[in-house]
Amino acid sequence: MSMHVKPFAFDRVFAVPTAEAERSPEALRLEIEHLELEVLRLKREIESETARARAEAFQQAVDQVRAEREAALLAAVDALQAGFEAMDERLDAAEERLAREGGAIALAAADYLAARALADAPTAAIDDAIGRVLRQVRRGQPVQIRVHPDLVADVEALVAARQSADRRRLNLTVVGDAGLGLGDAQLLWDQGGLALDAEARRAAVAQEMAALFPGD
């Protein structure tokens, strides 16, 4: 067995760290001031970042509250609009109902007044018709006045009263007609005629009421 022996290198050089030179108090003071300024800068950065984070969080909260408020307002407006529409429909229905009822009441009132007028003065409308005819026909024109038999005497009295107040001769003849109702009359002459019909007057009133109070 062979062995190889190498000589130990006793002449190798090792670097030995030198002791740090002692700094002067002035240098230490400057370094301390620098560190204090650095700490102050870091503190200000932290405070600035904290304030910015708080502002962002506050703004986000404000935006969320505003969005929720706007959504609530929109929902409330929609609800109000729906309520108004429903109210309008109810009002329209009420107006239509009142119009129908008003027309019925007005027609009933017209019927009552016509019946009351006929009962109080059954010949008033006939007398008015005689006056209109006398203004239309020539002097002395024969006119036949047909009325219900129960009104013949009353109408003859009206003719006599008109004759006494008129110097011209009135050629008016009153004839009873059982086919006519009380208050109805027919005034006939050669060139025309005039008819009084209570039912026709009622239909005319009903037509006017239907125009004023339209219903279903």
N, C-alpha and C. Protein backbone atom coordinates (compact mmCIF):
# COMPACT_ATOMS: atom_id res chain seq x y z
N MET A 1 0.86 -1.18 0.00
CA MET A 1 0.00 0.00 0.00
C MET A 1 0.88 1.21 0.00
N SER A 2 0.63 2.14 -0.97
CA SER A 2 1.47 3.35 -1.07
C SER A 2 0.73 4.53 -0.54
N MET A 3 1.34 5.48 0.04
CA MET A 3 0.75 6.69 0.62
C MET A 3 1.42 7.89 0.00
N HIS A 4 0.58 8.91 -0.26
CA HIS A 4 1.09 10.17 -0.80
C HIS A 4 0.93 11.21 0.25
N VAL A 5 1.93 11.88 0.61
CA VAL A 5 1.92 12.91 1.66
C VAL A 5 2.11 14.25 0.99
N LYS A 6 1.13 15.21 1.29
CA LYS A 6 1.24 16.57 0.76
C LYS A 6 1.66 17.50 1.86
N PRO A 7 2.52 18.39 1.54
CA PRO A 7 2.96 19.34 2.57
C PRO A 7 1.83 20.29 2.95
N PHE A 8 1.66 20.69 4.20
CA PHE A 8 0.64 21.61 4.71
C PHE A 8 1.05 23.02 4.37
N ALA A 9 0.11 23.76 3.85
CA ALA A 9 0.44 25.12 3.42
C ALA A 9 0.31 26.05 4.61
N PHE A 10 1.47 26.28 5.27
CA PHE A 10 1.46 27.16 6.42
C PHE A 10 1.54 28.62 6.03
N ASP A 11 1.75 28.90 4.78
CA ASP A 11 1.92 30.30 4.38
C ASP A 11 0.64 30.92 3.83
N ARG A 12 -0.62 30.22 3.97
CA ARG A 12 -1.88 30.79 3.48
C ARG A 12 -2.24 32.02 4.32
N VAL A 13 -2.79 33.09 3.67
CA VAL A 13 -3.10 34.35 4.33
C VAL A 13 -4.62 34.44 4.52
N PHE A 14 -5.05 34.70 5.72
CA PHE A 14 -6.46 34.89 6.06
C PHE A 14 -6.73 36.36 6.32
N ALA A 15 -7.92 36.87 5.81
CA ALA A 15 -8.28 38.28 6.03
C ALA A 15 -8.97 38.41 7.37
N VAL A 16 -8.45 39.20 8.20
CA VAL A 16 -9.00 39.44 9.53
C VAL A 16 -9.74 40.76 9.51
N PRO A 17 -11.06 40.77 9.89
CA PRO A 17 -11.82 42.03 9.86
C PRO A 17 -11.23 43.02 10.83
N THR A 18 -11.18 44.22 10.30
CA THR A 18 -10.63 45.31 11.14
C THR A 18 -11.74 45.88 12.00
N ALA A 19 -11.45 46.34 13.12
CA ALA A 19 -12.41 46.95 14.05
C ALA A 19 -12.95 48.24 13.45
N GLU A 20 -14.33 48.43 13.56
CA GLU A 20 -14.97 49.63 13.01
C GLU A 20 -14.42 50.84 13.74
N ALA A 21 -14.11 51.81 12.93
CA ALA A 21 -13.58 53.04 13.52
C ALA A 21 -14.63 53.71 14.37
N GLU A 22 -14.29 54.18 15.45
CA GLU A 22 -15.21 54.84 16.38
C GLU A 22 -15.69 56.15 15.78
N ARG A 23 -17.13 56.27 15.72
CA ARG A 23 -17.69 57.48 15.12
C ARG A 23 -17.79 58.59 16.16
N SER A 24 -17.75 59.76 15.61
CA SER A 24 -17.76 60.93 16.49
C SER A 24 -19.19 61.21 16.95
N PRO A 25 -19.35 61.92 18.05
CA PRO A 25 -20.70 62.28 18.51
C PRO A 25 -21.50 63.06 17.47
N GLU A 26 -20.85 63.88 16.70
CA GLU A 26 -21.54 64.66 15.67
C GLU A 26 -22.14 63.74 14.61
N ALA A 27 -21.35 62.71 14.23
CA ALA A 27 -21.86 61.77 13.23
C ALA A 27 -23.04 60.99 13.78
N LEU A 28 -22.93 60.59 15.07
CA LEU A 28 -24.06 59.87 15.69
C LEU A 28 -25.30 60.75 15.76
N ARG A 29 -25.09 62.03 16.07
CA ARG A 29 -26.25 62.94 16.15
C ARG A 29 -26.93 63.09 14.80
N LEU A 30 -26.12 63.21 13.74
CA LEU A 30 -26.69 63.34 12.40
C LEU A 30 -27.44 62.08 11.99
N GLU A 31 -26.86 60.91 12.34
CA GLU A 31 -27.53 59.67 12.00
C GLU A 31 -28.86 59.53 12.74
N ILE A 32 -28.84 59.95 14.01
CA ILE A 32 -30.08 59.90 14.80
C ILE A 32 -31.13 60.82 14.19
N GLU A 33 -30.71 62.02 13.81
CA GLU A 33 -31.67 62.94 13.18
C GLU A 33 -32.22 62.36 11.89
N HIS A 34 -31.36 61.73 11.11
CA HIS A 34 -31.81 61.11 9.86
C HIS A 34 -32.83 60.01 10.13
N LEU A 35 -32.55 59.20 11.15
CA LEU A 35 -33.50 58.14 11.50
C LEU A 35 -34.82 58.71 11.99
N GLU A 36 -34.72 59.77 12.77
CA GLU A 36 -35.96 60.38 13.26
C GLU A 36 -36.78 60.93 12.10
N LEU A 37 -36.12 61.57 11.14
CA LEU A 37 -36.85 62.08 9.96
C LEU A 37 -37.47 60.94 9.16
N GLU A 38 -36.73 59.84 9.05
CA GLU A 38 -37.26 58.69 8.32
C GLU A 38 -38.50 58.12 9.03
N VAL A 39 -38.40 58.04 10.37
CA VAL A 39 -39.56 57.57 11.14
C VAL A 39 -40.74 58.50 10.96
N LEU A 40 -40.50 59.81 10.99
CA LEU A 40 -41.56 60.79 10.81
C LEU A 40 -42.19 60.66 9.42
N ARG A 41 -41.36 60.45 8.40
CA ARG A 41 -41.88 60.28 7.04
C ARG A 41 -42.75 59.04 6.94
N LEU A 42 -42.26 57.94 7.53
CA LEU A 42 -43.04 56.71 7.50
C LEU A 42 -44.36 56.87 8.25
N LYS A 43 -44.31 57.60 9.37
CA LYS A 43 -45.51 57.83 10.15
C LYS A 43 -46.53 58.63 9.33
N ARG A 44 -46.03 59.65 8.63
CA ARG A 44 -46.93 60.46 7.81
C ARG A 44 -47.52 59.64 6.66
N GLU A 45 -46.71 58.79 6.06
CA GLU A 45 -47.23 57.93 4.99
C GLU A 45 -48.32 57.00 5.51
N ILE A 46 -48.07 56.45 6.70
CA ILE A 46 -49.08 55.56 7.29
C ILE A 46 -50.37 56.32 7.57
N GLU A 47 -50.21 57.53 8.14
CA GLU A 47 -51.41 58.33 8.43
C GLU A 47 -52.14 58.70 7.14
N SER A 48 -51.39 59.05 6.08
CA SER A 48 -52.01 59.40 4.81
C SER A 48 -52.76 58.21 4.21
N GLU A 49 -52.11 57.03 4.24
CA GLU A 49 -52.76 55.83 3.71
C GLU A 49 -54.00 55.47 4.53
N THR A 50 -53.88 55.65 5.85
CA THR A 50 -55.04 55.36 6.71
C THR A 50 -56.19 56.29 6.40
N ALA A 51 -55.88 57.60 6.25
CA ALA A 51 -56.92 58.58 5.93
C ALA A 51 -57.55 58.28 4.58
N ARG A 52 -56.72 57.92 3.59
CA ARG A 52 -57.25 57.60 2.26
C ARG A 52 -58.15 56.37 2.31
N ALA A 53 -57.72 55.36 3.08
CA ALA A 53 -58.53 54.14 3.20
C ALA A 53 -59.86 54.45 3.88
N ARG A 54 -59.81 55.31 4.92
CA ARG A 54 -61.05 55.68 5.59
C ARG A 54 -61.96 56.45 4.64
N ALA A 55 -61.37 57.40 3.86
CA ALA A 55 -62.18 58.19 2.92
C ALA A 55 -62.82 57.28 1.88
N GLU A 56 -62.04 56.33 1.35
CA GLU A 56 -62.60 55.42 0.37
C GLU A 56 -63.72 54.57 0.96
N ALA A 57 -63.51 54.09 2.18
CA ALA A 57 -64.53 53.28 2.84
C ALA A 57 -65.79 54.11 3.09
N PHE A 58 -65.58 55.38 3.51
CA PHE A 58 -66.73 56.26 3.76
C PHE A 58 -67.49 56.54 2.46
N GLN A 59 -66.74 56.81 1.38
CA GLN A 59 -67.38 57.08 0.10
C GLN A 59 -68.14 55.86 -0.40
N GLN A 60 -67.56 54.67 -0.23
CA GLN A 60 -68.26 53.46 -0.61
C GLN A 60 -69.56 53.30 0.18
N ALA A 61 -69.47 53.60 1.49
CA ALA A 61 -70.68 53.51 2.31
C ALA A 61 -71.72 54.52 1.86
N VAL A 62 -71.25 55.77 1.55
CA VAL A 62 -72.18 56.78 1.07
C VAL A 62 -72.82 56.36 -0.25
N ASP A 63 -72.01 55.83 -1.17
CA ASP A 63 -72.55 55.38 -2.45
C ASP A 63 -73.56 54.26 -2.27
N GLN A 64 -73.27 53.35 -1.37
CA GLN A 64 -74.20 52.24 -1.13
C GLN A 64 -75.51 52.75 -0.54
N VAL A 65 -75.38 53.68 0.44
CA VAL A 65 -76.60 54.23 1.04
C VAL A 65 -77.41 54.99 -0.01
N ARG A 66 -76.70 55.78 -0.86
CA ARG A 66 -77.39 56.53 -1.90
C ARG A 66 -78.09 55.60 -2.88
N ALA A 67 -77.40 54.51 -3.27
CA ALA A 67 -78.01 53.56 -4.19
C ALA A 67 -79.24 52.90 -3.56
N GLU A 68 -79.12 52.53 -2.28
CA GLU A 68 -80.26 51.91 -1.60
C GLU A 68 -81.41 52.91 -1.48
N ARG A 69 -81.07 54.18 -1.20
CA ARG A 69 -82.11 55.19 -1.08
C ARG A 69 -82.80 55.42 -2.42
N GLU A 70 -82.00 55.50 -3.50
CA GLU A 70 -82.61 55.68 -4.82
C GLU A 70 -83.49 54.50 -5.20
N ALA A 71 -83.03 53.30 -4.86
CA ALA A 71 -83.85 52.12 -5.16
C ALA A 71 -85.16 52.17 -4.37
N ALA A 72 -85.06 52.58 -3.10
CA ALA A 72 -86.28 52.68 -2.29
C ALA A 72 -87.21 53.76 -2.83
N LEU A 73 -86.63 54.89 -3.27
CA LEU A 73 -87.45 55.95 -3.84
C LEU A 73 -88.14 55.49 -5.12
N LEU A 74 -87.40 54.79 -5.97
CA LEU A 74 -88.00 54.28 -7.20
C LEU A 74 -89.13 53.31 -6.89
N ALA A 75 -88.92 52.45 -5.91
CA ALA A 75 -89.98 51.51 -5.54
C ALA A 75 -91.19 52.25 -5.01
N ALA A 76 -90.93 53.31 -4.20
CA ALA A 76 -92.05 54.09 -3.66
C ALA A 76 -92.80 54.82 -4.77
N VAL A 77 -92.05 55.38 -5.74
CA VAL A 77 -92.69 56.06 -6.87
C VAL A 77 -93.52 55.08 -7.69
N ASP A 78 -93.00 53.90 -7.92
CA ASP A 78 -93.76 52.89 -8.66
C ASP A 78 -95.04 52.52 -7.92
N ALA A 79 -94.90 52.38 -6.61
CA ALA A 79 -96.09 52.04 -5.81
C ALA A 79 -97.12 53.17 -5.87
N LEU A 80 -96.63 54.43 -5.76
CA LEU A 80 -97.55 55.55 -5.85
C LEU A 80 -98.22 55.63 -7.21
N GLN A 81 -97.44 55.41 -8.27
CA GLN A 81 -97.99 55.44 -9.62
C GLN A 81 -99.07 54.37 -9.79
N ALA A 82 -98.78 53.18 -9.28
CA ALA A 82 -99.77 52.12 -9.36
C ALA A 82 -101.03 52.49 -8.57
N GLY A 83 -100.81 53.12 -7.40
CA GLY A 83 -101.96 53.56 -6.61
C GLY A 83 -102.77 54.62 -7.32
N PHE A 84 -102.07 55.59 -7.97
CA PHE A 84 -102.77 56.62 -8.71
C PHE A 84 -103.56 56.04 -9.87
N GLU A 85 -102.97 55.08 -10.56
CA GLU A 85 -103.68 54.46 -11.68
C GLU A 85 -104.93 53.74 -11.20
N ALA A 86 -104.79 53.02 -10.09
CA ALA A 86 -105.96 52.33 -9.54
C ALA A 86 -107.02 53.34 -9.10
N MET A 87 -106.56 54.45 -8.50
CA MET A 87 -107.50 55.48 -8.06
C MET A 87 -108.19 56.12 -9.27
N ASP A 88 -107.43 56.37 -10.35
CA ASP A 88 -108.04 56.93 -11.55
C ASP A 88 -109.12 56.00 -12.10
N GLU A 89 -108.83 54.69 -12.09
CA GLU A 89 -109.83 53.74 -12.58
C GLU A 89 -111.09 53.78 -11.72
N ARG A 90 -110.88 53.85 -10.39
CA ARG A 90 -112.05 53.91 -9.51
C ARG A 90 -112.83 55.20 -9.71
N LEU A 91 -112.08 56.33 -9.92
CA LEU A 91 -112.75 57.60 -10.14
C LEU A 91 -113.53 57.59 -11.46
N ASP A 92 -112.93 57.00 -12.50
CA ASP A 92 -113.64 56.91 -13.78
C ASP A 92 -114.92 56.08 -13.63
N ALA A 93 -114.80 54.97 -12.91
CA ALA A 93 -115.99 54.14 -12.71
C ALA A 93 -117.05 54.89 -11.91
N ALA A 94 -116.59 55.65 -10.88
CA ALA A 94 -117.53 56.42 -10.08
C ALA A 94 -118.20 57.51 -10.91
N GLU A 95 -117.41 58.17 -11.77
CA GLU A 95 -117.97 59.22 -12.62
C GLU A 95 -119.02 58.64 -13.57
N GLU A 96 -118.71 57.48 -14.16
CA GLU A 96 -119.69 56.86 -15.05
C GLU A 96 -120.96 56.49 -14.30
N ARG A 97 -120.78 55.94 -13.09
CA ARG A 97 -121.96 55.56 -12.30
C ARG A 97 -122.79 56.79 -11.94
N LEU A 98 -122.09 57.88 -11.50
CA LEU A 98 -122.80 59.10 -11.15
C LEU A 98 -123.50 59.71 -12.36
N ALA A 99 -122.83 59.61 -13.53
CA ALA A 99 -123.46 60.13 -14.74
C ALA A 99 -124.75 59.39 -15.05
N ARG A 100 -124.69 58.04 -14.94
CA ARG A 100 -125.90 57.25 -15.19
C ARG A 100 -126.98 57.60 -14.18
N GLU A 101 -126.57 57.66 -12.91
CA GLU A 101 -127.56 57.97 -11.88
C GLU A 101 -128.10 59.38 -12.04
N GLY A 102 -127.19 60.32 -12.41
CA GLY A 102 -127.64 61.70 -12.61
C GLY A 102 -128.60 61.82 -13.76
N GLY A 103 -128.33 61.09 -14.85
CA GLY A 103 -129.27 61.12 -15.97
C GLY A 103 -130.62 60.56 -15.60
N ALA A 104 -130.61 59.45 -14.83
CA ALA A 104 -131.88 58.84 -14.41
C ALA A 104 -132.65 59.79 -13.49
N ILE A 105 -131.90 60.43 -12.58
CA ILE A 105 -132.56 61.37 -11.65
C ILE A 105 -133.12 62.57 -12.41
N ALA A 106 -132.30 63.10 -13.35
CA ALA A 106 -132.76 64.26 -14.12
C ALA A 106 -134.00 63.92 -14.94
N LEU A 107 -134.00 62.73 -15.55
CA LEU A 107 -135.16 62.32 -16.34
C LEU A 107 -136.38 62.13 -15.45
N ALA A 108 -136.17 61.54 -14.28
CA ALA A 108 -137.29 61.37 -13.35
C ALA A 108 -137.82 62.73 -12.90
N ALA A 109 -136.88 63.68 -12.65
CA ALA A 109 -137.31 65.01 -12.26
C ALA A 109 -138.08 65.69 -13.37
N ALA A 110 -137.61 65.51 -14.62
CA ALA A 110 -138.32 66.11 -15.75
C ALA A 110 -139.72 65.50 -15.88
N ASP A 111 -139.81 64.19 -15.70
CA ASP A 111 -141.13 63.54 -15.74
C ASP A 111 -142.05 64.09 -14.66
N TYR A 112 -141.48 64.23 -13.46
CA TYR A 112 -142.28 64.73 -12.35
C TYR A 112 -142.76 66.15 -12.62
N LEU A 113 -141.84 67.00 -13.10
CA LEU A 113 -142.22 68.39 -13.36
C LEU A 113 -143.26 68.47 -14.48
N ALA A 114 -143.07 67.63 -15.51
CA ALA A 114 -144.05 67.64 -16.59
C ALA A 114 -145.41 67.17 -16.10
N ALA A 115 -145.41 66.11 -15.30
CA ALA A 115 -146.67 65.62 -14.76
C ALA A 115 -147.31 66.65 -13.83
N ARG A 116 -146.47 67.31 -13.02
CA ARG A 116 -147.00 68.34 -12.11
C ARG A 116 -147.57 69.51 -12.90
N ALA A 117 -146.84 69.92 -13.95
CA ALA A 117 -147.33 71.02 -14.77
C ALA A 117 -148.63 70.66 -15.46
N LEU A 118 -148.71 69.41 -15.95
CA LEU A 118 -149.94 68.96 -16.60
C LEU A 118 -151.10 68.92 -15.61
N ALA A 119 -150.80 68.48 -14.38
CA ALA A 119 -151.87 68.40 -13.38
C ALA A 119 -152.31 69.80 -12.96
N ASP A 120 -151.36 70.73 -12.81
CA ASP A 120 -151.70 72.08 -12.36
C ASP A 120 -152.35 72.90 -13.48
N ALA A 121 -151.83 72.75 -14.69
CA ALA A 121 -152.37 73.55 -15.81
C ALA A 121 -152.39 72.69 -17.06
N PRO A 122 -153.39 71.81 -17.20
CA PRO A 122 -153.40 70.88 -18.33
C PRO A 122 -153.54 71.55 -19.69
N THR A 123 -154.01 72.80 -19.71
CA THR A 123 -154.21 73.48 -21.01
C THR A 123 -153.15 74.54 -21.27
N ALA A 124 -152.13 74.66 -20.40
CA ALA A 124 -151.13 75.73 -20.59
C ALA A 124 -150.36 75.53 -21.88
N ALA A 125 -149.89 74.29 -22.14
CA ALA A 125 -149.13 74.04 -23.36
C ALA A 125 -150.01 74.25 -24.59
N ILE A 126 -151.32 73.88 -24.47
CA ILE A 126 -152.23 74.07 -25.61
C ILE A 126 -152.41 75.56 -25.89
N ASP A 127 -152.55 76.35 -24.84
CA ASP A 127 -152.72 77.80 -25.03
C ASP A 127 -151.48 78.40 -25.70
N ASP A 128 -150.28 77.96 -25.27
CA ASP A 128 -149.06 78.44 -25.91
C ASP A 128 -149.03 78.06 -27.39
N ALA A 129 -149.46 76.83 -27.70
CA ALA A 129 -149.48 76.38 -29.09
C ALA A 129 -150.46 77.22 -29.92
N ILE A 130 -151.62 77.56 -29.36
CA ILE A 130 -152.59 78.40 -30.08
C ILE A 130 -151.96 79.76 -30.40
N GLY A 131 -151.22 80.31 -29.44
CA GLY A 131 -150.58 81.60 -29.69
C GLY A 131 -149.54 81.51 -30.80
N ARG A 132 -148.78 80.44 -30.85
CA ARG A 132 -147.79 80.28 -31.91
C ARG A 132 -148.45 80.15 -33.28
N VAL A 133 -149.54 79.37 -33.32
CA VAL A 133 -150.23 79.18 -34.60
C VAL A 133 -150.83 80.49 -35.09
N LEU A 134 -151.43 81.27 -34.21
CA LEU A 134 -152.04 82.54 -34.61
C LEU A 134 -151.00 83.51 -35.17
N ARG A 135 -149.75 83.38 -34.71
CA ARG A 135 -148.71 84.26 -35.25
C ARG A 135 -148.24 83.79 -36.63
N GLN A 136 -148.56 82.55 -37.00
CA GLN A 136 -148.10 82.00 -38.27
C GLN A 136 -149.14 82.11 -39.38
N VAL A 137 -150.39 81.88 -39.04
CA VAL A 137 -151.42 81.83 -40.08
C VAL A 137 -151.92 83.24 -40.41
N ARG A 138 -152.60 83.36 -41.57
CA ARG A 138 -153.14 84.67 -41.98
C ARG A 138 -154.39 84.97 -41.16
N ARG A 139 -154.78 86.22 -41.18
CA ARG A 139 -155.97 86.65 -40.43
C ARG A 139 -157.22 85.92 -40.94
N GLY A 140 -157.98 85.37 -40.01
CA GLY A 140 -159.22 84.68 -40.35
C GLY A 140 -159.03 83.26 -40.84
N GLN A 141 -157.81 82.75 -40.82
CA GLN A 141 -157.53 81.37 -41.26
C GLN A 141 -158.24 80.38 -40.32
N PRO A 142 -159.09 79.50 -40.86
CA PRO A 142 -159.74 78.51 -39.98
C PRO A 142 -158.71 77.54 -39.39
N VAL A 143 -158.81 77.36 -38.10
CA VAL A 143 -157.90 76.44 -37.40
C VAL A 143 -158.75 75.53 -36.52
N GLN A 144 -158.56 74.23 -36.67
CA GLN A 144 -159.27 73.26 -35.84
C GLN A 144 -158.34 72.80 -34.72
N ILE A 145 -158.86 72.83 -33.51
CA ILE A 145 -158.06 72.46 -32.33
C ILE A 145 -158.67 71.18 -31.76
N ARG A 146 -157.96 70.08 -31.86
CA ARG A 146 -158.44 68.78 -31.39
C ARG A 146 -157.77 68.49 -30.05
N VAL A 147 -158.57 68.21 -29.02
CA VAL A 147 -158.05 67.95 -27.67
C VAL A 147 -158.85 66.80 -27.06
N HIS A 148 -158.40 66.36 -25.89
CA HIS A 148 -159.14 65.34 -25.16
C HIS A 148 -160.52 65.90 -24.79
N PRO A 149 -161.55 65.06 -24.85
CA PRO A 149 -162.91 65.56 -24.57
C PRO A 149 -163.03 66.27 -23.22
N ASP A 150 -162.27 65.84 -22.22
CA ASP A 150 -162.39 66.48 -20.91
C ASP A 150 -161.83 67.90 -20.91
N LEU A 151 -161.09 68.28 -21.94
CA LEU A 151 -160.49 69.60 -21.98
C LEU A 151 -161.18 70.55 -22.96
N VAL A 152 -162.24 70.08 -23.62
CA VAL A 152 -162.90 70.91 -24.63
C VAL A 152 -163.38 72.22 -24.02
N ALA A 153 -164.07 72.14 -22.90
CA ALA A 153 -164.62 73.36 -22.30
C ALA A 153 -163.51 74.31 -21.88
N ASP A 154 -162.47 73.78 -21.31
CA ASP A 154 -161.36 74.65 -20.88
C ASP A 154 -160.68 75.32 -22.06
N VAL A 155 -160.48 74.59 -23.15
CA VAL A 155 -159.84 75.18 -24.33
C VAL A 155 -160.77 76.21 -24.99
N GLU A 156 -162.07 75.93 -25.01
CA GLU A 156 -163.01 76.92 -25.55
C GLU A 156 -162.95 78.20 -24.74
N ALA A 157 -162.77 78.07 -23.42
CA ALA A 157 -162.64 79.27 -22.59
C ALA A 157 -161.37 80.04 -22.96
N LEU A 158 -160.30 79.31 -23.25
CA LEU A 158 -159.07 79.97 -23.66
C LEU A 158 -159.26 80.72 -24.98
N VAL A 159 -159.98 80.07 -25.93
CA VAL A 159 -160.23 80.71 -27.22
C VAL A 159 -161.08 81.97 -27.03
N ALA A 160 -162.08 81.88 -26.16
CA ALA A 160 -162.93 83.05 -25.91
C ALA A 160 -162.12 84.18 -25.30
N ALA A 161 -161.22 83.87 -24.39
CA ALA A 161 -160.39 84.90 -23.78
C ALA A 161 -159.50 85.56 -24.83
N ARG A 162 -158.95 84.78 -25.71
CA ARG A 162 -158.11 85.35 -26.77
C ARG A 162 -158.94 86.22 -27.73
N GLN A 163 -160.16 85.75 -28.05
CA GLN A 163 -161.00 86.51 -28.96
C GLN A 163 -161.38 87.86 -28.34
N SER A 164 -161.64 87.88 -27.05
CA SER A 164 -162.01 89.14 -26.40
C SER A 164 -160.85 90.13 -26.37
N ALA A 165 -159.64 89.62 -26.42
CA ALA A 165 -158.48 90.50 -26.38
C ALA A 165 -157.96 90.84 -27.77
N ASP A 166 -158.59 90.30 -28.82
CA ASP A 166 -158.11 90.51 -30.19
C ASP A 166 -159.27 91.10 -31.02
N ARG A 167 -159.03 92.22 -31.71
CA ARG A 167 -160.09 92.86 -32.49
C ARG A 167 -160.40 92.09 -33.76
N ARG A 168 -159.45 91.32 -34.23
CA ARG A 168 -159.72 90.53 -35.43
C ARG A 168 -160.50 89.28 -35.05
N ARG A 169 -161.22 88.75 -36.03
CA ARG A 169 -162.02 87.56 -35.79
C ARG A 169 -161.10 86.34 -35.85
N LEU A 170 -161.15 85.54 -34.77
CA LEU A 170 -160.36 84.31 -34.71
C LEU A 170 -161.25 83.15 -35.10
N ASN A 171 -160.88 82.48 -36.17
CA ASN A 171 -161.68 81.37 -36.69
C ASN A 171 -161.12 80.07 -36.12
N LEU A 172 -161.37 79.85 -34.80
CA LEU A 172 -160.84 78.69 -34.08
C LEU A 172 -162.00 77.81 -33.67
N THR A 173 -161.86 76.50 -33.94
CA THR A 173 -162.89 75.52 -33.59
C THR A 173 -162.25 74.45 -32.71
N VAL A 174 -162.89 74.17 -31.57
CA VAL A 174 -162.38 73.16 -30.64
C VAL A 174 -163.20 71.88 -30.83
N VAL A 175 -162.48 70.75 -31.01
CA VAL A 175 -163.12 69.46 -31.25
C VAL A 175 -162.55 68.44 -30.26
N GLY A 176 -163.44 67.66 -29.65
CA GLY A 176 -163.00 66.61 -28.75
C GLY A 176 -162.50 65.38 -29.50
N ASP A 177 -161.41 64.81 -29.02
CA ASP A 177 -160.82 63.61 -29.66
C ASP A 177 -160.36 62.69 -28.54
N ALA A 178 -161.10 61.56 -28.37
CA ALA A 178 -160.77 60.64 -27.28
C ALA A 178 -159.43 59.94 -27.49
N GLY A 179 -158.93 59.98 -28.71
CA GLY A 179 -157.63 59.35 -28.96
C GLY A 179 -156.44 60.15 -28.46
N LEU A 180 -156.67 61.35 -28.01
CA LEU A 180 -155.59 62.21 -27.50
C LEU A 180 -155.55 62.15 -25.98
N GLY A 181 -154.35 62.25 -25.45
CA GLY A 181 -154.21 62.25 -24.01
C GLY A 181 -154.39 63.64 -23.44
N LEU A 182 -154.58 63.71 -22.13
CA LEU A 182 -154.71 65.01 -21.48
C LEU A 182 -153.42 65.81 -21.68
N GLY A 183 -153.58 67.02 -22.16
CA GLY A 183 -152.42 67.86 -22.43
C GLY A 183 -151.93 67.78 -23.85
N ASP A 184 -152.37 66.73 -24.60
CA ASP A 184 -152.01 66.62 -26.00
C ASP A 184 -153.03 67.38 -26.85
N ALA A 185 -152.60 67.77 -28.04
CA ALA A 185 -153.51 68.51 -28.92
C ALA A 185 -153.00 68.45 -30.35
N GLN A 186 -153.93 68.69 -31.28
CA GLN A 186 -153.58 68.83 -32.69
C GLN A 186 -154.24 70.09 -33.21
N LEU A 187 -153.47 71.00 -33.76
CA LEU A 187 -153.96 72.23 -34.34
C LEU A 187 -153.76 72.13 -35.84
N LEU A 188 -154.86 72.10 -36.58
CA LEU A 188 -154.83 71.82 -38.02
C LEU A 188 -155.40 72.99 -38.80
N TRP A 189 -154.79 73.35 -39.93
CA TRP A 189 -155.29 74.34 -40.87
C TRP A 189 -154.90 73.90 -42.27
N ASP A 190 -155.33 74.64 -43.24
CA ASP A 190 -155.18 74.19 -44.62
C ASP A 190 -153.73 73.98 -45.02
N GLN A 191 -152.84 74.88 -44.59
CA GLN A 191 -151.46 74.81 -45.02
C GLN A 191 -150.53 74.07 -44.05
N GLY A 192 -151.04 73.52 -42.98
CA GLY A 192 -150.14 72.84 -42.06
C GLY A 192 -150.83 72.40 -40.79
N GLY A 193 -150.02 72.13 -39.77
CA GLY A 193 -150.56 71.69 -38.50
C GLY A 193 -149.48 71.67 -37.43
N LEU A 194 -149.94 71.55 -36.21
CA LEU A 194 -149.03 71.50 -35.07
C LEU A 194 -149.57 70.48 -34.08
N ALA A 195 -148.72 69.59 -33.63
CA ALA A 195 -149.14 68.53 -32.71
C ALA A 195 -148.40 68.68 -31.39
N LEU A 196 -149.14 68.54 -30.31
CA LEU A 196 -148.55 68.49 -28.97
C LEU A 196 -148.66 67.06 -28.47
N ASP A 197 -147.51 66.45 -28.15
CA ASP A 197 -147.46 65.05 -27.73
C ASP A 197 -146.58 64.97 -26.49
N ALA A 198 -147.19 64.67 -25.35
CA ALA A 198 -146.44 64.61 -24.09
C ALA A 198 -145.35 63.55 -24.15
N GLU A 199 -145.67 62.39 -24.77
CA GLU A 199 -144.68 61.32 -24.86
C GLU A 199 -143.50 61.75 -25.75
N ALA A 200 -143.80 62.48 -26.83
CA ALA A 200 -142.71 62.98 -27.69
C ALA A 200 -141.86 63.99 -26.93
N ARG A 201 -142.52 64.83 -26.12
CA ARG A 201 -141.74 65.79 -25.33
C ARG A 201 -140.86 65.07 -24.32
N ARG A 202 -141.41 64.00 -23.74
CA ARG A 202 -140.60 63.23 -22.80
C ARG A 202 -139.41 62.59 -23.51
N ALA A 203 -139.61 62.06 -24.71
CA ALA A 203 -138.50 61.45 -25.46
C ALA A 203 -137.44 62.49 -25.80
N ALA A 204 -137.88 63.71 -26.13
CA ALA A 204 -136.92 64.78 -26.43
C ALA A 204 -136.12 65.13 -25.20
N VAL A 205 -136.80 65.20 -24.05
CA VAL A 205 -136.08 65.49 -22.80
C VAL A 205 -135.10 64.37 -22.49
N ALA A 206 -135.52 63.12 -22.70
CA ALA A 206 -134.63 61.99 -22.44
C ALA A 206 -133.40 62.04 -23.34
N GLN A 207 -133.60 62.44 -24.59
CA GLN A 207 -132.47 62.56 -25.52
C GLN A 207 -131.50 63.64 -25.06
N GLU A 208 -132.03 64.77 -24.61
CA GLU A 208 -131.16 65.83 -24.10
C GLU A 208 -130.41 65.38 -22.85
N MET A 209 -131.11 64.65 -21.98
CA MET A 209 -130.45 64.17 -20.77
C MET A 209 -129.37 63.15 -21.11
N ALA A 210 -129.63 62.32 -22.12
CA ALA A 210 -128.62 61.34 -22.52
C ALA A 210 -127.38 62.03 -23.06
N ALA A 211 -127.56 63.17 -23.73
CA ALA A 211 -126.40 63.91 -24.23
C ALA A 211 -125.63 64.56 -23.09
N LEU A 212 -126.35 65.02 -22.06
CA LEU A 212 -125.70 65.66 -20.92
C LEU A 212 -125.08 64.65 -19.98
N PHE A 213 -125.72 63.50 -19.82
CA PHE A 213 -125.24 62.47 -18.91
C PHE A 213 -125.09 61.16 -19.68
N PRO A 214 -124.05 61.03 -20.48
CA PRO A 214 -123.88 59.79 -21.25
C PRO A 214 -123.64 58.61 -20.32
N GLY A 215 -124.28 57.51 -20.59
CA GLY A 215 -124.10 56.30 -19.78
C GLY A 215 -123.87 55.12 -20.69
N ASP A 216 -123.91 53.91 -20.09
CA ASP A 216 -123.71 52.70 -20.89
C ASP A 216 -124.92 52.47 -21.80
